[in-house]
């Protein structure tokens, strides 16, 4: 993944001229950038793609995020953050399930 700084003016203009919907423009640009740091740039799968595909609640999204980035950013601290979110999700399982997983 490239940063927003890697987008050339011609690429930017091409995206803007091809885009007829905000979501199309936003998706094209968002996938080319990272705000702050570079810990997601080398990943093949972005955490948010997993969140959407797996239809996760916010707590499990954070578990995935922190586990995925731990070796490129904050190491053990990120794993501790992931564990903290997982412990919260376990403690509040029934409530989270009733709000976010009504289908199943």
N, C-alpha and C. Protein backbone atom coordinates (compact mmCIF):
# COMPACT_ATOMS: atom_id res chain seq x y z
N UNK A 1 0.85 -1.16 0.00
CA UNK A 1 0.00 0.00 0.00
C UNK A 1 0.90 1.23 0.00
N UNK A 2 0.57 2.18 -0.82
CA UNK A 2 1.34 3.42 -0.90
C UNK A 2 0.72 4.47 0.02
N UNK A 3 1.50 5.49 0.31
CA UNK A 3 0.93 6.58 1.10
C UNK A 3 0.28 7.58 0.16
N UNK A 4 -0.49 8.48 0.70
CA UNK A 4 -1.14 9.51 -0.11
C UNK A 4 -0.10 10.35 -0.83
N UNK A 5 1.09 10.44 -0.25
CA UNK A 5 2.17 11.20 -0.87
C UNK A 5 2.65 10.58 -2.17
N UNK A 6 2.38 9.28 -2.36
CA UNK A 6 2.81 8.58 -3.56
C UNK A 6 1.84 8.75 -4.73
N UNK A 7 0.69 9.34 -4.47
CA UNK A 7 -0.28 9.55 -5.54
C UNK A 7 0.14 10.78 -6.33
N UNK A 8 0.32 10.60 -7.62
CA UNK A 8 0.74 11.72 -8.47
C UNK A 8 -0.47 12.59 -8.80
N UNK A 9 -0.23 13.83 -9.19
CA UNK A 9 -1.35 14.68 -9.60
C UNK A 9 -2.17 14.06 -10.73
N UNK A 10 -1.51 13.40 -11.67
CA UNK A 10 -2.24 12.75 -12.77
C UNK A 10 -3.14 11.62 -12.26
N UNK A 11 -2.62 10.82 -11.31
CA UNK A 11 -3.44 9.75 -10.73
C UNK A 11 -4.64 10.34 -9.99
N UNK A 12 -4.38 11.38 -9.21
CA UNK A 12 -5.46 12.05 -8.48
C UNK A 12 -6.53 12.55 -9.44
N UNK A 13 -6.13 13.24 -10.48
CA UNK A 13 -7.08 13.78 -11.45
C UNK A 13 -7.84 12.67 -12.17
N UNK A 14 -7.15 11.56 -12.47
CA UNK A 14 -7.82 10.44 -13.12
C UNK A 14 -8.90 9.84 -12.22
N UNK A 15 -8.59 9.71 -10.95
CA UNK A 15 -9.57 9.17 -10.01
C UNK A 15 -10.76 10.11 -9.90
N UNK A 16 -10.49 11.38 -9.75
CA UNK A 16 -11.57 12.36 -9.62
C UNK A 16 -12.43 12.39 -10.86
N UNK A 17 -11.82 12.36 -12.05
CA UNK A 17 -12.60 12.45 -13.28
C UNK A 17 -13.40 11.18 -13.55
N UNK A 18 -12.88 10.00 -13.12
CA UNK A 18 -13.61 8.73 -13.33
C UNK A 18 -14.71 8.53 -12.31
N UNK A 19 -14.58 9.16 -11.19
CA UNK A 19 -15.51 8.91 -10.09
C UNK A 19 -16.80 9.69 -10.27
N UNK A 20 -17.89 8.97 -10.17
CA UNK A 20 -19.19 9.64 -10.22
C UNK A 20 -19.88 9.59 -8.87
N UNK A 21 -19.38 8.77 -7.96
CA UNK A 21 -19.96 8.65 -6.63
C UNK A 21 -18.89 8.88 -5.58
N UNK A 22 -19.28 9.47 -4.48
CA UNK A 22 -18.35 9.70 -3.37
C UNK A 22 -17.70 8.41 -2.90
N UNK A 23 -18.48 7.35 -2.80
CA UNK A 23 -17.94 6.10 -2.27
C UNK A 23 -16.86 5.54 -3.18
N UNK A 24 -17.04 5.66 -4.47
CA UNK A 24 -16.04 5.19 -5.42
C UNK A 24 -14.74 5.98 -5.24
N UNK A 25 -14.84 7.29 -5.19
CA UNK A 25 -13.67 8.15 -5.00
C UNK A 25 -13.02 7.86 -3.65
N UNK A 26 -13.82 7.80 -2.61
CA UNK A 26 -13.28 7.55 -1.28
C UNK A 26 -12.55 6.23 -1.19
N UNK A 27 -13.12 5.17 -1.73
CA UNK A 27 -12.49 3.84 -1.67
C UNK A 27 -11.17 3.84 -2.43
N UNK A 28 -11.15 4.44 -3.60
CA UNK A 28 -9.91 4.45 -4.38
C UNK A 28 -8.80 5.19 -3.65
N UNK A 29 -9.13 6.31 -3.04
CA UNK A 29 -8.11 7.11 -2.36
C UNK A 29 -7.72 6.52 -1.01
N UNK A 30 -8.69 6.05 -0.27
CA UNK A 30 -8.42 5.50 1.06
C UNK A 30 -7.49 4.29 0.97
N UNK A 31 -7.67 3.46 -0.03
CA UNK A 31 -6.83 2.28 -0.17
C UNK A 31 -5.39 2.60 -0.54
N UNK A 32 -5.12 3.82 -0.98
CA UNK A 32 -3.76 4.21 -1.36
C UNK A 32 -3.02 4.95 -0.25
N UNK A 33 -3.62 5.14 0.90
CA UNK A 33 -2.98 5.97 1.92
C UNK A 33 -3.03 5.33 3.30
N UNK A 34 -2.16 5.82 4.17
CA UNK A 34 -2.22 5.50 5.58
C UNK A 34 -1.93 6.79 6.34
N UNK A 35 -2.78 7.10 7.28
CA UNK A 35 -2.60 8.31 8.07
C UNK A 35 -1.75 7.94 9.28
N UNK A 36 -0.53 8.43 9.33
CA UNK A 36 0.37 8.16 10.45
C UNK A 36 1.01 6.80 10.38
N UNK A 37 2.31 6.76 10.46
CA UNK A 37 3.04 5.51 10.49
C UNK A 37 3.09 4.80 9.15
N UNK A 38 3.62 3.57 9.21
CA UNK A 38 3.72 2.77 8.00
C UNK A 38 3.48 1.29 8.30
N UNK A 39 2.89 0.99 9.46
CA UNK A 39 2.76 -0.38 9.92
C UNK A 39 1.76 -1.22 9.13
N UNK A 40 0.90 -0.63 8.29
CA UNK A 40 -0.02 -1.41 7.47
C UNK A 40 0.41 -1.48 6.02
N UNK A 41 1.43 -0.74 5.64
CA UNK A 41 1.81 -0.65 4.23
C UNK A 41 2.26 -1.97 3.62
N UNK A 42 2.87 -2.84 4.40
CA UNK A 42 3.39 -4.08 3.85
C UNK A 42 2.40 -5.24 3.93
N UNK A 43 1.22 -5.01 4.43
CA UNK A 43 0.26 -6.10 4.58
C UNK A 43 -0.51 -6.35 3.29
N UNK A 44 -0.79 -7.61 3.04
CA UNK A 44 -1.55 -7.98 1.85
C UNK A 44 -3.04 -7.77 2.07
N UNK A 45 -3.48 -7.91 3.30
CA UNK A 45 -4.90 -7.76 3.64
C UNK A 45 -5.01 -6.66 4.68
N UNK A 46 -5.83 -5.68 4.43
CA UNK A 46 -6.03 -4.60 5.39
C UNK A 46 -7.01 -5.05 6.47
N UNK A 47 -6.77 -4.66 7.71
CA UNK A 47 -7.68 -5.05 8.79
C UNK A 47 -9.13 -4.68 8.50
N UNK A 48 -9.37 -3.51 7.93
CA UNK A 48 -10.76 -3.11 7.71
C UNK A 48 -11.47 -4.00 6.71
N UNK A 49 -10.72 -4.61 5.78
CA UNK A 49 -11.34 -5.55 4.85
C UNK A 49 -11.80 -6.80 5.60
N UNK A 50 -11.02 -7.23 6.59
CA UNK A 50 -11.41 -8.36 7.43
C UNK A 50 -12.65 -7.99 8.25
N UNK A 51 -12.65 -6.80 8.84
CA UNK A 51 -13.78 -6.36 9.67
C UNK A 51 -15.08 -6.46 8.89
N UNK A 52 -15.06 -5.95 7.68
CA UNK A 52 -16.27 -5.91 6.86
C UNK A 52 -16.64 -7.33 6.42
N UNK A 53 -15.67 -8.07 5.91
CA UNK A 53 -15.94 -9.41 5.40
C UNK A 53 -16.48 -10.33 6.50
N UNK A 54 -15.90 -10.25 7.69
CA UNK A 54 -16.32 -11.11 8.78
C UNK A 54 -17.46 -10.51 9.61
N UNK A 55 -17.88 -9.29 9.29
CA UNK A 55 -18.98 -8.60 9.99
C UNK A 55 -18.75 -8.57 11.51
N UNK A 56 -17.60 -8.04 11.90
CA UNK A 56 -17.20 -8.05 13.31
C UNK A 56 -17.71 -6.84 14.08
N UNK A 57 -17.87 -7.03 15.38
CA UNK A 57 -18.19 -5.93 16.29
C UNK A 57 -16.92 -5.11 16.53
N UNK A 58 -17.05 -3.91 17.10
CA UNK A 58 -15.87 -3.05 17.30
C UNK A 58 -14.78 -3.66 18.17
N UNK A 59 -15.13 -4.47 19.14
CA UNK A 59 -14.12 -5.04 20.04
C UNK A 59 -13.28 -6.08 19.32
N UNK A 60 -13.92 -6.95 18.56
CA UNK A 60 -13.15 -7.94 17.82
C UNK A 60 -12.38 -7.30 16.67
N UNK A 61 -12.88 -6.21 16.13
CA UNK A 61 -12.12 -5.46 15.13
C UNK A 61 -10.79 -5.00 15.72
N UNK A 62 -10.84 -4.51 16.94
CA UNK A 62 -9.60 -4.06 17.59
C UNK A 62 -8.66 -5.21 17.89
N UNK A 63 -9.20 -6.37 18.24
CA UNK A 63 -8.36 -7.55 18.45
C UNK A 63 -7.58 -7.86 17.18
N UNK A 64 -8.28 -7.91 16.05
CA UNK A 64 -7.64 -8.19 14.75
C UNK A 64 -6.59 -7.12 14.45
N UNK A 65 -6.96 -5.86 14.63
CA UNK A 65 -6.04 -4.75 14.31
C UNK A 65 -4.75 -4.85 15.11
N UNK A 66 -4.86 -5.04 16.42
CA UNK A 66 -3.66 -5.05 17.26
C UNK A 66 -2.80 -6.29 17.01
N UNK A 67 -3.43 -7.44 16.79
CA UNK A 67 -2.65 -8.64 16.50
C UNK A 67 -1.93 -8.48 15.17
N UNK A 68 -2.61 -7.94 14.18
CA UNK A 68 -2.02 -7.79 12.85
C UNK A 68 -0.81 -6.86 12.85
N UNK A 69 -0.86 -5.80 13.62
CA UNK A 69 0.21 -4.80 13.56
C UNK A 69 1.30 -4.97 14.62
N UNK A 70 1.14 -5.88 15.56
CA UNK A 70 2.05 -5.93 16.72
C UNK A 70 3.52 -6.03 16.35
N UNK A 71 3.85 -6.80 15.33
CA UNK A 71 5.28 -6.97 15.01
C UNK A 71 5.86 -5.79 14.23
N UNK A 72 5.02 -4.86 13.80
CA UNK A 72 5.50 -3.70 13.06
C UNK A 72 5.36 -2.40 13.84
N UNK A 73 4.67 -2.44 14.98
CA UNK A 73 4.45 -1.19 15.71
C UNK A 73 4.85 -1.30 17.17
N UNK A 74 3.97 -1.77 18.03
CA UNK A 74 4.22 -1.70 19.47
C UNK A 74 4.48 -3.04 20.15
N UNK A 75 4.74 -4.08 19.38
CA UNK A 75 5.11 -5.37 19.95
C UNK A 75 4.16 -5.90 21.00
N UNK A 76 4.72 -6.26 22.14
CA UNK A 76 3.94 -6.87 23.22
C UNK A 76 2.79 -5.98 23.67
N UNK A 77 2.99 -4.68 23.68
CA UNK A 77 1.92 -3.77 24.10
C UNK A 77 0.68 -3.93 23.21
N UNK A 78 0.88 -4.09 21.91
CA UNK A 78 -0.26 -4.30 21.02
C UNK A 78 -0.96 -5.62 21.32
N UNK A 79 -0.19 -6.67 21.67
CA UNK A 79 -0.81 -7.94 22.03
C UNK A 79 -1.59 -7.81 23.33
N UNK A 80 -1.08 -7.02 24.26
CA UNK A 80 -1.81 -6.76 25.52
C UNK A 80 -3.09 -5.99 25.25
N UNK A 81 -3.04 -5.05 24.32
CA UNK A 81 -4.26 -4.32 23.94
C UNK A 81 -5.28 -5.27 23.32
N UNK A 82 -4.80 -6.16 22.44
CA UNK A 82 -5.70 -7.14 21.82
C UNK A 82 -6.35 -8.01 22.89
N UNK A 83 -5.56 -8.46 23.86
CA UNK A 83 -6.08 -9.28 24.95
C UNK A 83 -7.11 -8.51 25.76
N UNK A 84 -6.86 -7.24 26.03
CA UNK A 84 -7.79 -6.41 26.79
C UNK A 84 -9.14 -6.31 26.07
N UNK A 85 -9.11 -6.07 24.77
CA UNK A 85 -10.35 -6.01 24.00
C UNK A 85 -11.05 -7.37 23.99
N UNK A 86 -10.30 -8.45 23.88
CA UNK A 86 -10.89 -9.78 23.87
C UNK A 86 -11.52 -10.09 25.23
N UNK A 87 -10.84 -9.71 26.31
CA UNK A 87 -11.41 -9.93 27.65
C UNK A 87 -12.71 -9.16 27.81
N UNK A 88 -12.75 -7.92 27.30
CA UNK A 88 -13.99 -7.13 27.36
C UNK A 88 -15.10 -7.84 26.58
N UNK A 89 -14.75 -8.33 25.38
CA UNK A 89 -15.75 -9.00 24.54
C UNK A 89 -16.28 -10.26 25.22
N UNK A 90 -15.41 -11.00 25.90
CA UNK A 90 -15.85 -12.20 26.61
C UNK A 90 -16.76 -11.82 27.78
N UNK A 91 -16.34 -10.83 28.55
CA UNK A 91 -17.12 -10.39 29.72
C UNK A 91 -18.50 -9.88 29.30
N UNK A 92 -18.58 -9.24 28.15
CA UNK A 92 -19.83 -8.63 27.69
C UNK A 92 -20.44 -9.37 26.49
N UNK A 93 -20.12 -10.65 26.40
CA UNK A 93 -20.49 -11.46 25.24
C UNK A 93 -21.98 -11.39 24.90
N UNK A 94 -22.83 -11.62 25.87
CA UNK A 94 -24.27 -11.66 25.59
C UNK A 94 -24.79 -10.31 25.08
N UNK A 95 -24.35 -9.24 25.70
CA UNK A 95 -24.79 -7.91 25.27
C UNK A 95 -24.28 -7.59 23.86
N UNK A 96 -23.00 -7.85 23.60
CA UNK A 96 -22.42 -7.58 22.28
C UNK A 96 -23.13 -8.43 21.22
N UNK A 97 -23.34 -9.70 21.53
CA UNK A 97 -24.02 -10.59 20.59
C UNK A 97 -25.42 -10.09 20.27
N UNK A 98 -26.15 -9.62 21.28
CA UNK A 98 -27.52 -9.16 21.03
C UNK A 98 -27.57 -7.90 20.19
N UNK A 99 -26.53 -7.08 20.24
CA UNK A 99 -26.51 -5.84 19.48
C UNK A 99 -25.94 -6.05 18.08
N UNK A 100 -24.83 -6.78 17.96
CA UNK A 100 -24.09 -6.86 16.69
C UNK A 100 -24.33 -8.14 15.90
N UNK A 101 -24.85 -9.18 16.53
CA UNK A 101 -24.97 -10.46 15.84
C UNK A 101 -26.39 -10.99 15.91
N UNK A 102 -27.34 -10.15 15.56
CA UNK A 102 -28.75 -10.52 15.65
C UNK A 102 -29.12 -11.64 14.67
N UNK A 103 -28.36 -11.75 13.58
CA UNK A 103 -28.67 -12.77 12.55
C UNK A 103 -28.47 -14.18 13.06
N UNK A 104 -27.43 -14.39 13.88
CA UNK A 104 -27.05 -15.76 14.21
C UNK A 104 -27.29 -16.15 15.55
